[in-house]
Amino acid sequence: MARLCVLCPVCRHARRAQAGVAYTIVRNLEGYICPFCRAYGRVYGKKAHED
C-alpha cells in the first residue's frame, strides 16, 4: 500500500515542493483519510509529506 503513496501524484508533489496546496492537503489530511499515506508512514518511518 505504501507503494501507491510513492506513486501518487499529489503526495509526490507535496514531498518535492514542500509548499503549496498539495502540501497543505497531504499534511493536514493524510492520517485521517488516506490509508496509503498511513502505510507510507509505517513503512518508511516518516510522514507522506516529508522529504
PDB file of N, CA and C in Angstrom:
ATOM      1  N   MET A   1       0.810  -1.197   0.000  1.00  0.00           N
ATOM      2  CA  MET A   1       0.000   0.000   0.000  1.00  0.00           C
ATOM      3  C   MET A   1       0.857   1.266   0.000  1.00  0.00           C
ATOM      4  N   ALA A   2       2.014   1.178   0.634  1.00  0.00           N
ATOM      5  CA  ALA A   2       2.899   2.349   0.673  1.00  0.00           C
ATOM      6  C   ALA A   2       3.412   2.697  -0.724  1.00  0.00           C
ATOM      7  N   ARG A   3       3.507   1.713  -1.585  1.00  0.00           N
ATOM      8  CA  ARG A   3       3.959   1.976  -2.958  1.00  0.00           C
ATOM      9  C   ARG A   3       2.992   2.884  -3.703  1.00  0.00           C
ATOM     10  N   LEU A   4       1.703   2.756  -3.406  1.00  0.00           N
ATOM     11  CA  LEU A   4       0.728   3.619  -4.057  1.00  0.00           C
ATOM     12  C   LEU A   4       0.910   5.065  -3.620  1.00  0.00           C
ATOM     13  N   CYS A   5       1.294   5.282  -2.384  1.00  0.00           N
ATOM     14  CA  CYS A   5       1.557   6.639  -1.921  1.00  0.00           C
ATOM     15  C   CYS A   5       2.807   7.199  -2.596  1.00  0.00           C
ATOM     16  N   VAL A   6       3.789   6.349  -2.830  1.00  0.00           N
ATOM     17  CA  VAL A   6       5.004   6.785  -3.516  1.00  0.00           C
ATOM     18  C   VAL A   6       4.668   7.213  -4.939  1.00  0.00           C
ATOM     19  N   LEU A   7       3.727   6.538  -5.574  1.00  0.00           N
ATOM     20  CA  LEU A   7       3.351   6.837  -6.951  1.00  0.00           C
ATOM     21  C   LEU A   7       2.256   7.897  -7.071  1.00  0.00           C
ATOM     22  N   CYS A   8       1.605   8.227  -5.982  1.00  0.00           N
ATOM     23  CA  CYS A   8       0.507   9.195  -6.001  1.00  0.00           C
ATOM     24  C   CYS A   8       1.023  10.570  -6.427  1.00  0.00           C
ATOM     25  N   PRO A   9       0.422  11.181  -7.451  1.00  0.00           N
ATOM     26  CA  PRO A   9       0.926  12.477  -7.920  1.00  0.00           C
ATOM     27  C   PRO A   9       0.788  13.593  -6.890  1.00  0.00           C
ATOM     28  N   VAL A  10      -0.238  13.552  -6.068  1.00  0.00           N
ATOM     29  CA  VAL A  10      -0.423  14.599  -5.051  1.00  0.00           C
ATOM     30  C   VAL A  10       0.646  14.468  -3.968  1.00  0.00           C
ATOM     31  N   CYS A  11       0.845  13.271  -3.478  1.00  0.00           N
ATOM     32  CA  CYS A  11       1.853  13.057  -2.430  1.00  0.00           C
ATOM     33  C   CYS A  11       3.263  13.297  -2.963  1.00  0.00           C
ATOM     34  N   ARG A  12       3.508  12.876  -4.186  1.00  0.00           N
ATOM     35  CA  ARG A  12       4.821  13.107  -4.791  1.00  0.00           C
ATOM     36  C   ARG A  12       5.128  14.591  -4.895  1.00  0.00           C
ATOM     37  N   HIS A  13       4.142  15.366  -5.340  1.00  0.00           N
ATOM     38  CA  HIS A  13       4.330  16.810  -5.454  1.00  0.00           C
ATOM     39  C   HIS A  13       4.554  17.440  -4.076  1.00  0.00           C
ATOM     40  N   ALA A  14       3.814  16.976  -3.080  1.00  0.00           N
ATOM     41  CA  ALA A  14       3.972  17.509  -1.724  1.00  0.00           C
ATOM     42  C   ALA A  14       5.366  17.216  -1.180  1.00  0.00           C
ATOM     43  N   ARG A  15       5.889  16.032  -1.462  1.00  0.00           N
ATOM     44  CA  ARG A  15       7.240  15.692  -0.992  1.00  0.00           C
ATOM     45  C   ARG A  15       8.296  16.534  -1.691  1.00  0.00           C
ATOM     46  N   ARG A  16       8.123  16.772  -2.984  1.00  0.00           N
ATOM     47  CA  ARG A  16       9.123  17.531  -3.741  1.00  0.00           C
ATOM     48  C   ARG A  16       9.065  19.021  -3.448  1.00  0.00           C
ATOM     49  N   ALA A  17       7.875  19.609  -3.472  1.00  0.00           N
ATOM     50  CA  ALA A  17       7.748  21.064  -3.379  1.00  0.00           C
ATOM     51  C   ALA A  17       7.823  21.573  -1.942  1.00  0.00           C
ATOM     52  N   GLN A  18       7.297  20.814  -0.994  1.00  0.00           N
ATOM     53  CA  GLN A  18       7.253  21.221   0.414  1.00  0.00           C
ATOM     54  C   GLN A  18       6.520  22.539   0.607  1.00  0.00           C
ATOM     55  N   ALA A  19       5.606  22.881  -0.298  1.00  0.00           N
ATOM     56  CA  ALA A  19       4.797  24.088  -0.187  1.00  0.00           C
ATOM     57  C   ALA A  19       3.623  23.970  -1.146  1.00  0.00           C
ATOM     58  N   GLY A  20       2.639  24.807  -0.956  1.00  0.00           N
ATOM     59  CA  GLY A  20       1.518  24.860  -1.875  1.00  0.00           C
ATOM     60  C   GLY A  20       0.295  24.113  -1.386  1.00  0.00           C
ATOM     61  N   VAL A  21      -0.685  24.034  -2.263  1.00  0.00           N
ATOM     62  CA  VAL A  21      -1.970  23.437  -1.925  1.00  0.00           C
ATOM     63  C   VAL A  21      -1.833  21.934  -1.679  1.00  0.00           C
ATOM     64  N   ALA A  22      -1.109  21.236  -2.540  1.00  0.00           N
ATOM     65  CA  ALA A  22      -0.944  19.788  -2.384  1.00  0.00           C
ATOM     66  C   ALA A  22      -0.273  19.466  -1.054  1.00  0.00           C
ATOM     67  N   TYR A  23       0.730  20.219  -0.698  1.00  0.00           N
ATOM     68  CA  TYR A  23       1.441  20.005   0.566  1.00  0.00           C
ATOM     69  C   TYR A  23       0.497  20.195   1.756  1.00  0.00           C
ATOM     70  N   THR A  24      -0.304  21.242   1.700  1.00  0.00           N
ATOM     71  CA  THR A  24      -1.236  21.533   2.791  1.00  0.00           C
ATOM     72  C   THR A  24      -2.282  20.431   2.922  1.00  0.00           C
ATOM     73  N   ILE A  25      -2.804  19.977   1.806  1.00  0.00           N
ATOM     74  CA  ILE A  25      -3.810  18.914   1.831  1.00  0.00           C
ATOM     75  C   ILE A  25      -3.224  17.635   2.397  1.00  0.00           C
ATOM     76  N   VAL A  26      -2.085  17.230   1.900  1.00  0.00           N
ATOM     77  CA  VAL A  26      -1.471  15.984   2.357  1.00  0.00           C
ATOM     78  C   VAL A  26      -1.082  16.096   3.821  1.00  0.00           C
ATOM     79  N   ARG A  27      -0.520  17.218   4.217  1.00  0.00           N
ATOM     80  CA  ARG A  27      -0.072  17.393   5.596  1.00  0.00           C
ATOM     81  C   ARG A  27      -1.235  17.333   6.574  1.00  0.00           C
ATOM     82  N   ASN A  28      -2.353  17.927   6.232  1.00  0.00           N
ATOM     83  CA  ASN A  28      -3.478  18.012   7.163  1.00  0.00           C
ATOM     84  C   ASN A  28      -4.419  16.813   7.134  1.00  0.00           C
ATOM     85  N   LEU A  29      -4.488  16.102   6.030  1.00  0.00           N
ATOM     86  CA  LEU A  29      -5.492  15.050   5.911  1.00  0.00           C
ATOM     87  C   LEU A  29      -4.943  13.645   5.749  1.00  0.00           C
ATOM     88  N   GLU A  30      -3.641  13.498   5.620  1.00  0.00           N
ATOM     89  CA  GLU A  30      -3.090  12.183   5.297  1.00  0.00           C
ATOM     90  C   GLU A  30      -3.431  11.100   6.309  1.00  0.00           C
ATOM     91  N   GLY A  31      -3.319  11.398   7.567  1.00  0.00           N
ATOM     92  CA  GLY A  31      -3.538  10.383   8.592  1.00  0.00           C
ATOM     93  C   GLY A  31      -4.987  10.041   8.833  1.00  0.00           C
ATOM     94  N   TYR A  32      -5.877  10.892   8.388  1.00  0.00           N
ATOM     95  CA  TYR A  32      -7.293  10.674   8.653  1.00  0.00           C
ATOM     96  C   TYR A  32      -8.031  10.022   7.498  1.00  0.00           C
ATOM     97  N   ILE A  33      -7.637  10.342   6.284  1.00  0.00           N
ATOM     98  CA  ILE A  33      -8.411   9.899   5.130  1.00  0.00           C
ATOM     99  C   ILE A  33      -7.726   8.795   4.331  1.00  0.00           C
ATOM    100  N   CYS A  34      -6.469   8.977   4.039  1.00  0.00           N
ATOM    101  CA  CYS A  34      -5.783   8.101   3.089  1.00  0.00           C
ATOM    102  C   CYS A  34      -5.072   6.930   3.772  1.00  0.00           C
ATOM    103  N   PRO A  35      -5.512   5.700   3.501  1.00  0.00           N
ATOM    104  CA  PRO A  35      -4.824   4.549   4.078  1.00  0.00           C
ATOM    105  C   PRO A  35      -3.431   4.347   3.477  1.00  0.00           C
ATOM    106  N   PHE A  36      -3.224   4.853   2.268  1.00  0.00           N
ATOM    107  CA  PHE A  36      -1.923   4.714   1.622  1.00  0.00           C
ATOM    108  C   PHE A  36      -0.891   5.603   2.296  1.00  0.00           C
ATOM    109  N   CYS A  37      -1.306   6.801   2.712  1.00  0.00           N
ATOM    110  CA  CYS A  37      -0.401   7.700   3.426  1.00  0.00           C
ATOM    111  C   CYS A  37      -0.046   7.122   4.795  1.00  0.00           C
ATOM    112  N   ARG A  38      -0.994   6.502   5.445  1.00  0.00           N
ATOM    113  CA  ARG A  38      -0.707   5.866   6.741  1.00  0.00           C
ATOM    114  C   ARG A  38       0.271   4.714   6.558  1.00  0.00           C
ATOM    115  N   ALA A  39       0.090   3.938   5.502  1.00  0.00           N
ATOM    116  CA  ALA A  39       1.006   2.832   5.225  1.00  0.00           C
ATOM    117  C   ALA A  39       2.398   3.355   4.916  1.00  0.00           C
ATOM    118  N   TYR A  40       2.490   4.463   4.193  1.00  0.00           N
ATOM    119  CA  TYR A  40       3.784   5.081   3.887  1.00  0.00           C
ATOM    120  C   TYR A  40       4.503   5.423   5.192  1.00  0.00           C
ATOM    121  N   GLY A  41       3.770   5.982   6.135  1.00  0.00           N
ATOM    122  CA  GLY A  41       4.358   6.334   7.421  1.00  0.00           C
ATOM    123  C   GLY A  41       4.865   5.121   8.177  1.00  0.00           C
ATOM    124  N   ARG A  42       4.138   4.032   8.139  1.00  0.00           N
ATOM    125  CA  ARG A  42       4.577   2.815   8.834  1.00  0.00           C
ATOM    126  C   ARG A  42       5.798   2.195   8.163  1.00  0.00           C
ATOM    127  N   VAL A  43       5.829   2.168   6.848  1.00  0.00           N
ATOM    128  CA  VAL A  43       6.908   1.504   6.116  1.00  0.00           C
ATOM    129  C   VAL A  43       8.187   2.330   6.120  1.00  0.00           C
ATOM    130  N   TYR A  44       8.078   3.619   5.826  1.00  0.00           N
ATOM    131  CA  TYR A  44       9.262   4.457   5.655  1.00  0.00           C
ATOM    132  C   TYR A  44       9.647   5.239   6.906  1.00  0.00           C
ATOM    133  N   GLY A  45       8.817   5.228   7.928  1.00  0.00           N
ATOM    134  CA  GLY A  45       9.150   5.884   9.177  1.00  0.00           C
ATOM    135  C   GLY A  45       9.066   7.398   9.146  1.00  0.00           C
ATOM    136  N   LYS A  46       8.424   7.954   8.132  1.00  0.00           N
ATOM    137  CA  LYS A  46       8.188   9.395   8.071  1.00  0.00           C
ATOM    138  C   LYS A  46       6.858   9.629   7.391  1.00  0.00           C
ATOM    139  N   LYS A  47       6.314  10.800   7.583  1.00  0.00           N
ATOM    140  CA  LYS A  47       5.002  11.095   7.031  1.00  0.00           C
ATOM    141  C   LYS A  47       5.077  11.282   5.519  1.00  0.00           C
ATOM    142  N   ALA A  48       3.923  11.169   4.879  1.00  0.00           N
ATOM    143  CA  ALA A  48       3.874  11.196   3.413  1.00  0.00           C
ATOM    144  C   ALA A  48       4.297  12.519   2.819  1.00  0.00           C
ATOM    145  N   HIS A  49       4.211  13.594   3.566  1.00  0.00           N
ATOM    146  CA  HIS A  49       4.598  14.905   3.028  1.00  0.00           C
ATOM    147  C   HIS A  49       6.043  15.260   3.325  1.00  0.00           C
ATOM    148  N   GLU A  50       6.731  14.476   4.134  1.00  0.00           N
ATOM    149  CA  GLU A  50       8.122  14.777   4.477  1.00  0.00           C
ATOM    150  C   GLU A  50       9.066  14.279   3.399  1.00  0.00           C
ATOM    151  N   ASP A  51      10.121  15.026   3.199  1.00  0.00           N
ATOM    152  CA  ASP A  51      11.107  14.668   2.184  1.00  0.00           C
ATOM    153  C   ASP A  51      12.116  13.680   2.718  1.00  0.00           C
TER     154      ASP A  51
END
